[in-house]
Amino acid sequence: MERKMKFPDHCKILAALIAFSLPFISLNALAAAKPAKQAAAVRNKIIFQVSDDDMRKWNMVLGNAKNVQQDLGESKVVIEVVVYGPGLGMLTFDSPVGSEVADAINAGIKFVACERTMRGLHLSKDDMLPSLGYVSSGVVELMLKQQEGYAYIKP
């Protein structure tokens, strides 16, 4: 004698709800994964401060900026180096790191010089390396970039 099991009505309702919900559960999982993919497309932003003429710090900043580009991909990161105070001498034509700075600029790293410091040191744009950017105040530039979401690094 064969016996058929009967499911109570509440089990039938539960099974129907589960079957109906499965497509929506998988759509929700896809939607949750989408922001992670979009976040990966967002460009990272980093700003370095250099305010002294210590060669070790300059080499560290140049190396760190290059490493960030290599690790994240040049097209996925915006890098700016803000230079003021005694560090500004490293952006002049006779700078001991001038060729390394030029290489970094050619690789897409932006270097900006503080015009306030330039005036204090009696330097003009003619005294500086080519392809630099200029800001009226290095400290204000750092503050504004941090407000825009840039990660701030000072060696």
N, C-alpha and C. Protein backbone atom coordinates (compact mmCIF):
# COMPACT_ATOMS: atom_id res chain seq x y z
N MET A 1 0.83 -1.16 0.00
CA MET A 1 0.00 0.00 0.00
C MET A 1 0.88 1.23 0.00
N GLU A 2 0.67 2.01 -0.98
CA GLU A 2 1.46 3.22 -1.12
C GLU A 2 0.75 4.36 -0.44
N ARG A 3 1.57 5.11 0.30
CA ARG A 3 0.99 6.23 1.04
C ARG A 3 1.55 7.55 0.51
N LYS A 4 0.75 8.47 0.20
CA LYS A 4 1.18 9.78 -0.26
C LYS A 4 1.20 10.72 0.93
N MET A 5 2.31 11.49 0.99
CA MET A 5 2.40 12.47 2.07
C MET A 5 1.71 13.74 1.63
N LYS A 6 1.00 14.30 2.52
CA LYS A 6 0.34 15.57 2.23
C LYS A 6 1.05 16.65 3.02
N PHE A 7 1.36 17.73 2.31
CA PHE A 7 1.96 18.87 2.98
C PHE A 7 0.85 19.75 3.53
N PRO A 8 1.06 20.24 4.72
CA PRO A 8 0.07 21.18 5.26
C PRO A 8 0.07 22.45 4.41
N ASP A 9 -0.99 23.18 4.47
CA ASP A 9 -1.14 24.39 3.65
C ASP A 9 -0.03 25.41 3.91
N HIS A 10 0.42 25.55 5.16
CA HIS A 10 1.45 26.56 5.45
C HIS A 10 2.79 26.17 4.81
N CYS A 11 3.06 24.88 4.63
CA CYS A 11 4.28 24.44 3.95
C CYS A 11 4.20 24.75 2.47
N LYS A 12 3.02 24.57 1.89
CA LYS A 12 2.82 24.89 0.48
C LYS A 12 3.04 26.39 0.24
N ILE A 13 2.52 27.18 1.13
CA ILE A 13 2.67 28.64 1.00
C ILE A 13 4.14 29.03 1.12
N LEU A 14 4.84 28.45 2.07
CA LEU A 14 6.26 28.73 2.28
C LEU A 14 7.08 28.32 1.05
N ALA A 15 6.80 27.16 0.50
CA ALA A 15 7.51 26.69 -0.70
C ALA A 15 7.25 27.63 -1.87
N ALA A 16 6.05 28.10 -2.02
CA ALA A 16 5.71 29.03 -3.11
C ALA A 16 6.44 30.36 -2.92
N LEU A 17 6.51 30.83 -1.69
CA LEU A 17 7.22 32.09 -1.42
C LEU A 17 8.71 31.97 -1.73
N ILE A 18 9.30 30.84 -1.36
CA ILE A 18 10.72 30.62 -1.63
C ILE A 18 10.96 30.56 -3.13
N ALA A 19 10.12 29.82 -3.84
CA ALA A 19 10.28 29.69 -5.29
C ALA A 19 10.10 31.05 -5.97
N PHE A 20 9.16 31.84 -5.47
CA PHE A 20 8.92 33.17 -6.04
C PHE A 20 10.08 34.12 -5.74
N SER A 21 10.72 33.98 -4.58
CA SER A 21 11.77 34.90 -4.14
C SER A 21 13.13 34.62 -4.75
N LEU A 22 13.40 33.41 -5.20
CA LEU A 22 14.73 33.06 -5.71
C LEU A 22 15.24 34.00 -6.80
N PRO A 23 14.45 34.34 -7.81
CA PRO A 23 14.99 35.25 -8.83
C PRO A 23 15.36 36.61 -8.24
N PHE A 24 14.59 37.09 -7.27
CA PHE A 24 14.87 38.40 -6.67
C PHE A 24 16.10 38.35 -5.77
N ILE A 25 16.31 37.24 -5.11
CA ILE A 25 17.49 37.09 -4.26
C ILE A 25 18.75 37.16 -5.11
N SER A 26 18.75 36.48 -6.25
CA SER A 26 19.93 36.52 -7.11
C SER A 26 20.12 37.90 -7.72
N LEU A 27 19.03 38.62 -8.03
CA LEU A 27 19.16 39.99 -8.53
C LEU A 27 19.73 40.90 -7.47
N ASN A 28 19.31 40.71 -6.23
CA ASN A 28 19.85 41.52 -5.14
C ASN A 28 21.33 41.24 -4.93
N ALA A 29 21.75 40.00 -5.09
CA ALA A 29 23.17 39.67 -4.96
C ALA A 29 23.98 40.35 -6.05
N LEU A 30 23.43 40.39 -7.27
CA LEU A 30 24.12 41.08 -8.36
C LEU A 30 24.19 42.58 -8.09
N ALA A 31 23.10 43.14 -7.58
CA ALA A 31 23.09 44.57 -7.28
C ALA A 31 24.09 44.91 -6.19
N ALA A 32 24.26 44.03 -5.22
CA ALA A 32 25.23 44.27 -4.16
C ALA A 32 26.65 44.21 -4.68
N ALA A 33 26.90 43.39 -5.67
CA ALA A 33 28.24 43.27 -6.24
C ALA A 33 28.57 44.46 -7.14
N LYS A 34 27.57 45.09 -7.71
CA LYS A 34 27.79 46.19 -8.64
C LYS A 34 28.53 47.38 -8.01
N PRO A 35 28.17 47.85 -6.79
CA PRO A 35 28.93 48.96 -6.21
C PRO A 35 30.40 48.64 -6.02
N ALA A 36 30.74 47.39 -5.74
CA ALA A 36 32.15 47.03 -5.58
C ALA A 36 32.89 47.21 -6.90
N LYS A 37 32.25 46.84 -8.01
CA LYS A 37 32.87 47.02 -9.32
C LYS A 37 32.98 48.51 -9.65
N GLN A 38 31.94 49.29 -9.32
CA GLN A 38 31.98 50.72 -9.58
C GLN A 38 33.07 51.38 -8.74
N ALA A 39 33.25 50.94 -7.50
CA ALA A 39 34.28 51.51 -6.64
C ALA A 39 35.67 51.28 -7.22
N ALA A 40 35.85 50.13 -7.87
CA ALA A 40 37.15 49.83 -8.47
C ALA A 40 37.45 50.78 -9.63
N ALA A 41 36.40 51.29 -10.30
CA ALA A 41 36.60 52.19 -11.42
C ALA A 41 36.91 53.62 -10.97
N VAL A 42 36.60 53.95 -9.73
CA VAL A 42 36.85 55.28 -9.20
C VAL A 42 38.35 55.50 -9.08
N ARG A 43 38.81 56.66 -9.53
CA ARG A 43 40.24 56.95 -9.45
C ARG A 43 40.60 57.30 -8.02
N ASN A 44 41.71 56.78 -7.58
CA ASN A 44 42.26 57.08 -6.26
C ASN A 44 42.98 58.42 -6.36
N LYS A 45 43.00 59.14 -5.25
CA LYS A 45 43.63 60.46 -5.23
C LYS A 45 44.57 60.52 -4.03
N ILE A 46 45.80 60.95 -4.28
CA ILE A 46 46.79 61.04 -3.21
C ILE A 46 47.59 62.32 -3.37
N ILE A 47 47.88 62.96 -2.26
CA ILE A 47 48.67 64.18 -2.29
C ILE A 47 49.83 64.04 -1.31
N PHE A 48 51.02 64.33 -1.82
CA PHE A 48 52.24 64.28 -1.01
C PHE A 48 52.65 65.70 -0.66
N GLN A 49 53.13 65.88 0.56
CA GLN A 49 53.69 67.16 0.98
C GLN A 49 55.20 67.02 1.07
N VAL A 50 55.92 67.97 0.45
CA VAL A 50 57.37 68.03 0.61
C VAL A 50 57.70 69.47 0.97
N SER A 51 58.17 69.67 2.20
CA SER A 51 58.46 71.03 2.65
C SER A 51 59.89 71.17 3.17
N ASP A 52 60.75 70.22 2.82
CA ASP A 52 62.17 70.37 3.16
C ASP A 52 63.03 69.82 2.03
N ASP A 53 64.32 70.09 2.13
CA ASP A 53 65.22 69.71 1.04
C ASP A 53 66.04 68.47 1.35
N ASP A 54 65.55 67.63 2.21
CA ASP A 54 66.22 66.38 2.57
C ASP A 54 66.14 65.41 1.38
N MET A 55 67.30 65.05 0.84
CA MET A 55 67.34 64.15 -0.32
C MET A 55 66.66 62.81 -0.05
N ARG A 56 66.81 62.29 1.15
CA ARG A 56 66.17 61.00 1.47
C ARG A 56 64.66 61.11 1.37
N LYS A 57 64.11 62.20 1.85
CA LYS A 57 62.65 62.37 1.77
C LYS A 57 62.20 62.55 0.33
N TRP A 58 62.98 63.31 -0.44
CA TRP A 58 62.63 63.49 -1.84
C TRP A 58 62.65 62.15 -2.57
N ASN A 59 63.68 61.38 -2.35
CA ASN A 59 63.76 60.07 -3.00
C ASN A 59 62.63 59.16 -2.53
N MET A 60 62.24 59.28 -1.26
CA MET A 60 61.13 58.47 -0.75
C MET A 60 59.83 58.86 -1.43
N VAL A 61 59.57 60.16 -1.55
CA VAL A 61 58.34 60.61 -2.21
C VAL A 61 58.31 60.17 -3.67
N LEU A 62 59.43 60.37 -4.37
CA LEU A 62 59.48 59.97 -5.77
C LEU A 62 59.27 58.46 -5.92
N GLY A 63 59.88 57.69 -5.05
CA GLY A 63 59.71 56.23 -5.08
C GLY A 63 58.30 55.82 -4.71
N ASN A 64 57.74 56.44 -3.67
CA ASN A 64 56.37 56.10 -3.25
C ASN A 64 55.36 56.42 -4.34
N ALA A 65 55.51 57.58 -4.98
CA ALA A 65 54.58 57.96 -6.04
C ALA A 65 54.65 56.96 -7.20
N LYS A 66 55.85 56.57 -7.57
CA LYS A 66 56.02 55.59 -8.64
C LYS A 66 55.41 54.24 -8.24
N ASN A 67 55.62 53.82 -7.00
CA ASN A 67 55.06 52.55 -6.52
C ASN A 67 53.54 52.57 -6.52
N VAL A 68 52.95 53.70 -6.13
CA VAL A 68 51.49 53.82 -6.12
C VAL A 68 50.96 53.66 -7.54
N GLN A 69 51.61 54.32 -8.50
CA GLN A 69 51.19 54.18 -9.90
C GLN A 69 51.30 52.73 -10.38
N GLN A 70 52.38 52.06 -10.02
CA GLN A 70 52.56 50.68 -10.45
C GLN A 70 51.55 49.75 -9.80
N ASP A 71 51.27 49.95 -8.52
CA ASP A 71 50.35 49.06 -7.81
C ASP A 71 48.90 49.26 -8.24
N LEU A 72 48.48 50.51 -8.42
CA LEU A 72 47.08 50.78 -8.73
C LEU A 72 46.82 50.92 -10.22
N GLY A 73 47.85 51.21 -10.98
CA GLY A 73 47.68 51.49 -12.40
C GLY A 73 47.64 52.99 -12.62
N GLU A 74 48.44 53.45 -13.55
CA GLU A 74 48.58 54.88 -13.79
C GLU A 74 47.24 55.57 -14.06
N SER A 75 46.34 54.89 -14.75
CA SER A 75 45.05 55.50 -15.10
C SER A 75 44.05 55.49 -13.94
N LYS A 76 44.39 54.82 -12.84
CA LYS A 76 43.45 54.69 -11.73
C LYS A 76 43.86 55.50 -10.50
N VAL A 77 44.85 56.38 -10.69
CA VAL A 77 45.28 57.18 -9.54
C VAL A 77 45.71 58.57 -10.01
N VAL A 78 45.33 59.56 -9.21
CA VAL A 78 45.77 60.94 -9.41
C VAL A 78 46.76 61.22 -8.30
N ILE A 79 47.97 61.64 -8.68
CA ILE A 79 49.01 61.92 -7.69
C ILE A 79 49.48 63.36 -7.86
N GLU A 80 49.51 64.07 -6.74
CA GLU A 80 50.02 65.43 -6.75
C GLU A 80 51.04 65.57 -5.63
N VAL A 81 52.14 66.27 -5.93
CA VAL A 81 53.17 66.56 -4.93
C VAL A 81 53.18 68.07 -4.74
N VAL A 82 52.88 68.51 -3.52
CA VAL A 82 52.86 69.93 -3.19
C VAL A 82 54.18 70.27 -2.52
N VAL A 83 54.86 71.28 -3.06
CA VAL A 83 56.19 71.63 -2.57
C VAL A 83 56.20 73.09 -2.11
N TYR A 84 56.68 73.29 -0.88
CA TYR A 84 56.81 74.65 -0.36
C TYR A 84 57.94 74.68 0.66
N GLY A 85 58.23 75.86 1.17
CA GLY A 85 59.31 76.01 2.15
C GLY A 85 60.64 75.62 1.52
N PRO A 86 61.58 75.13 2.34
CA PRO A 86 62.90 74.77 1.83
C PRO A 86 62.87 73.69 0.74
N GLY A 87 61.81 72.92 0.65
CA GLY A 87 61.70 71.89 -0.39
C GLY A 87 61.65 72.47 -1.79
N LEU A 88 61.27 73.74 -1.90
CA LEU A 88 61.10 74.35 -3.21
C LEU A 88 62.40 74.37 -4.01
N GLY A 89 63.54 74.40 -3.36
CA GLY A 89 64.82 74.38 -4.06
C GLY A 89 65.00 73.14 -4.91
N MET A 90 64.28 72.08 -4.60
CA MET A 90 64.38 70.84 -5.37
C MET A 90 63.61 70.91 -6.69
N LEU A 91 62.90 72.00 -6.91
CA LEU A 91 62.16 72.17 -8.16
C LEU A 91 62.79 73.23 -9.07
N THR A 92 63.98 73.70 -8.71
CA THR A 92 64.67 74.68 -9.55
C THR A 92 65.49 73.95 -10.62
N PHE A 93 65.93 74.70 -11.62
CA PHE A 93 66.70 74.11 -12.72
C PHE A 93 67.94 73.35 -12.27
N ASP A 94 68.59 73.83 -11.22
CA ASP A 94 69.82 73.18 -10.76
C ASP A 94 69.58 72.13 -9.67
N SER A 95 68.37 71.64 -9.59
CA SER A 95 68.00 70.66 -8.57
C SER A 95 68.73 69.33 -8.75
N PRO A 96 69.20 68.74 -7.63
CA PRO A 96 69.84 67.42 -7.74
C PRO A 96 68.86 66.30 -8.09
N VAL A 97 67.56 66.55 -7.94
CA VAL A 97 66.57 65.53 -8.32
C VAL A 97 65.74 65.99 -9.53
N GLY A 98 66.25 66.98 -10.25
CA GLY A 98 65.51 67.54 -11.38
C GLY A 98 65.13 66.51 -12.44
N SER A 99 66.05 65.62 -12.79
CA SER A 99 65.72 64.63 -13.83
C SER A 99 64.69 63.62 -13.33
N GLU A 100 64.76 63.27 -12.05
CA GLU A 100 63.77 62.34 -11.47
C GLU A 100 62.39 63.00 -11.41
N VAL A 101 62.36 64.28 -11.07
CA VAL A 101 61.08 65.01 -11.05
C VAL A 101 60.53 65.08 -12.47
N ALA A 102 61.38 65.37 -13.45
CA ALA A 102 60.93 65.42 -14.85
C ALA A 102 60.37 64.07 -15.29
N ASP A 103 61.03 62.98 -14.90
CA ASP A 103 60.53 61.63 -15.23
C ASP A 103 59.16 61.39 -14.60
N ALA A 104 59.01 61.81 -13.35
CA ALA A 104 57.72 61.64 -12.65
C ALA A 104 56.63 62.45 -13.33
N ILE A 105 56.95 63.68 -13.73
CA ILE A 105 55.97 64.51 -14.43
C ILE A 105 55.57 63.84 -15.74
N ASN A 106 56.55 63.31 -16.46
CA ASN A 106 56.25 62.61 -17.72
C ASN A 106 55.40 61.37 -17.49
N ALA A 107 55.47 60.80 -16.29
CA ALA A 107 54.65 59.62 -15.95
C ALA A 107 53.27 60.01 -15.44
N GLY A 108 52.97 61.32 -15.41
CA GLY A 108 51.63 61.75 -15.03
C GLY A 108 51.49 62.23 -13.60
N ILE A 109 52.58 62.34 -12.87
CA ILE A 109 52.54 62.84 -11.50
C ILE A 109 52.65 64.36 -11.55
N LYS A 110 51.74 65.03 -10.89
CA LYS A 110 51.70 66.49 -10.92
C LYS A 110 52.53 67.05 -9.75
N PHE A 111 53.39 68.00 -10.04
CA PHE A 111 54.16 68.72 -9.03
C PHE A 111 53.72 70.17 -9.05
N VAL A 112 53.38 70.70 -7.87
CA VAL A 112 52.99 72.10 -7.78
C VAL A 112 53.90 72.82 -6.79
N ALA A 113 54.30 74.02 -7.19
CA ALA A 113 55.17 74.85 -6.37
C ALA A 113 54.34 75.96 -5.72
N CYS A 114 54.68 76.29 -4.50
CA CYS A 114 54.00 77.34 -3.74
C CYS A 114 54.55 78.71 -4.18
N GLU A 115 53.69 79.54 -4.74
CA GLU A 115 54.10 80.87 -5.20
C GLU A 115 54.48 81.77 -4.03
N ARG A 116 53.87 81.59 -2.90
CA ARG A 116 54.19 82.38 -1.70
C ARG A 116 55.66 82.13 -1.31
N THR A 117 56.06 80.85 -1.31
CA THR A 117 57.46 80.52 -1.01
C THR A 117 58.38 81.07 -2.09
N MET A 118 57.95 80.97 -3.33
CA MET A 118 58.77 81.48 -4.43
C MET A 118 59.06 82.97 -4.24
N ARG A 119 58.04 83.73 -3.89
CA ARG A 119 58.25 85.16 -3.65
C ARG A 119 59.23 85.38 -2.50
N GLY A 120 59.07 84.60 -1.43
CA GLY A 120 59.97 84.73 -0.28
C GLY A 120 61.41 84.39 -0.62
N LEU A 121 61.61 83.47 -1.56
CA LEU A 121 62.96 83.08 -1.97
C LEU A 121 63.44 83.84 -3.20
N HIS A 122 62.63 84.79 -3.68
CA HIS A 122 62.95 85.61 -4.86
C HIS A 122 63.18 84.73 -6.09
N LEU A 123 62.29 83.76 -6.26
CA LEU A 123 62.34 82.87 -7.43
C LEU A 123 61.19 83.21 -8.36
N SER A 124 61.44 83.08 -9.66
CA SER A 124 60.38 83.25 -10.64
C SER A 124 60.16 81.91 -11.34
N LYS A 125 59.14 81.85 -12.15
CA LYS A 125 58.86 80.62 -12.90
C LYS A 125 60.01 80.28 -13.85
N ASP A 126 60.76 81.29 -14.25
CA ASP A 126 61.92 81.06 -15.12
C ASP A 126 63.03 80.29 -14.40
N ASP A 127 63.04 80.33 -13.07
CA ASP A 127 64.04 79.61 -12.28
C ASP A 127 63.67 78.14 -12.06
N MET A 128 62.46 77.80 -12.39
CA MET A 128 61.91 76.49 -12.02
C MET A 128 61.97 75.49 -13.17
N LEU A 129 61.87 74.21 -12.80
CA LEU A 129 61.79 73.14 -13.79
C LEU A 129 60.57 73.35 -14.68
N PRO A 130 60.64 72.91 -15.93
CA PRO A 130 59.46 73.03 -16.80
C PRO A 130 58.36 72.07 -16.36
N SER A 131 57.16 72.37 -16.79
CA SER A 131 55.98 71.51 -16.60
C SER A 131 55.48 71.44 -15.17
N LEU A 132 55.89 72.36 -14.32
CA LEU A 132 55.36 72.41 -12.96
C LEU A 132 54.01 73.12 -12.96
N GLY A 133 53.22 72.81 -11.94
CA GLY A 133 52.03 73.58 -11.68
C GLY A 133 52.35 74.56 -10.55
N TYR A 134 51.51 75.55 -10.38
CA TYR A 134 51.74 76.55 -9.34
C TYR A 134 50.45 76.79 -8.57
N VAL A 135 50.60 76.98 -7.27
CA VAL A 135 49.48 77.32 -6.39
C VAL A 135 49.89 78.51 -5.56
N SER A 136 48.92 79.32 -5.17
CA SER A 136 49.26 80.52 -4.40
C SER A 136 49.81 80.16 -3.02
N SER A 137 49.30 79.06 -2.44
CA SER A 137 49.75 78.64 -1.11
C SER A 137 49.77 77.11 -1.04
N GLY A 138 50.93 76.56 -0.73
CA GLY A 138 51.05 75.11 -0.63
C GLY A 138 50.18 74.53 0.47
N VAL A 139 50.13 75.18 1.61
CA VAL A 139 49.34 74.67 2.74
C VAL A 139 47.85 74.71 2.40
N VAL A 140 47.40 75.77 1.76
CA VAL A 140 45.99 75.85 1.36
C VAL A 140 45.68 74.76 0.34
N GLU A 141 46.59 74.51 -0.58
CA GLU A 141 46.40 73.44 -1.57
C GLU A 141 46.23 72.09 -0.88
N LEU A 142 47.06 71.82 0.12
CA LEU A 142 46.94 70.57 0.87
C LEU A 142 45.57 70.46 1.53
N MET A 143 45.13 71.53 2.16
CA MET A 143 43.84 71.54 2.84
C MET A 143 42.69 71.30 1.85
N LEU A 144 42.72 72.02 0.72
CA LEU A 144 41.64 71.87 -0.26
C LEU A 144 41.60 70.46 -0.84
N LYS A 145 42.75 69.90 -1.14
CA LYS A 145 42.80 68.56 -1.72
C LYS A 145 42.30 67.52 -0.71
N GLN A 146 42.61 67.71 0.55
CA GLN A 146 42.10 66.77 1.56
C GLN A 146 40.58 66.88 1.66
N GLN A 147 40.05 68.08 1.51
CA GLN A 147 38.60 68.25 1.53
C GLN A 147 37.95 67.59 0.31
N GLU A 148 38.71 67.44 -0.78
CA GLU A 148 38.22 66.77 -1.98
C GLU A 148 38.39 65.25 -1.90
N GLY A 149 38.93 64.76 -0.79
CA GLY A 149 39.05 63.32 -0.62
C GLY A 149 40.41 62.74 -0.95
N TYR A 150 41.40 63.58 -1.17
CA TYR A 150 42.75 63.08 -1.42
C TYR A 150 43.33 62.48 -0.14
N ALA A 151 44.02 61.38 -0.28
CA ALA A 151 44.79 60.81 0.84
C ALA A 151 46.04 61.68 1.00
N TYR A 152 46.36 62.04 2.22
CA TYR A 152 47.47 62.95 2.50
C TYR A 152 48.67 62.17 3.04
N ILE A 153 49.82 62.36 2.40
CA ILE A 153 51.05 61.67 2.81
C ILE A 153 52.15 62.71 2.99
N LYS A 154 52.79 62.65 4.15
CA LYS A 154 53.97 63.49 4.41
C LYS A 154 55.08 62.58 4.92
N PRO A 155 56.17 62.51 4.16
CA PRO A 155 57.25 61.61 4.58
C PRO A 155 57.96 62.10 5.84
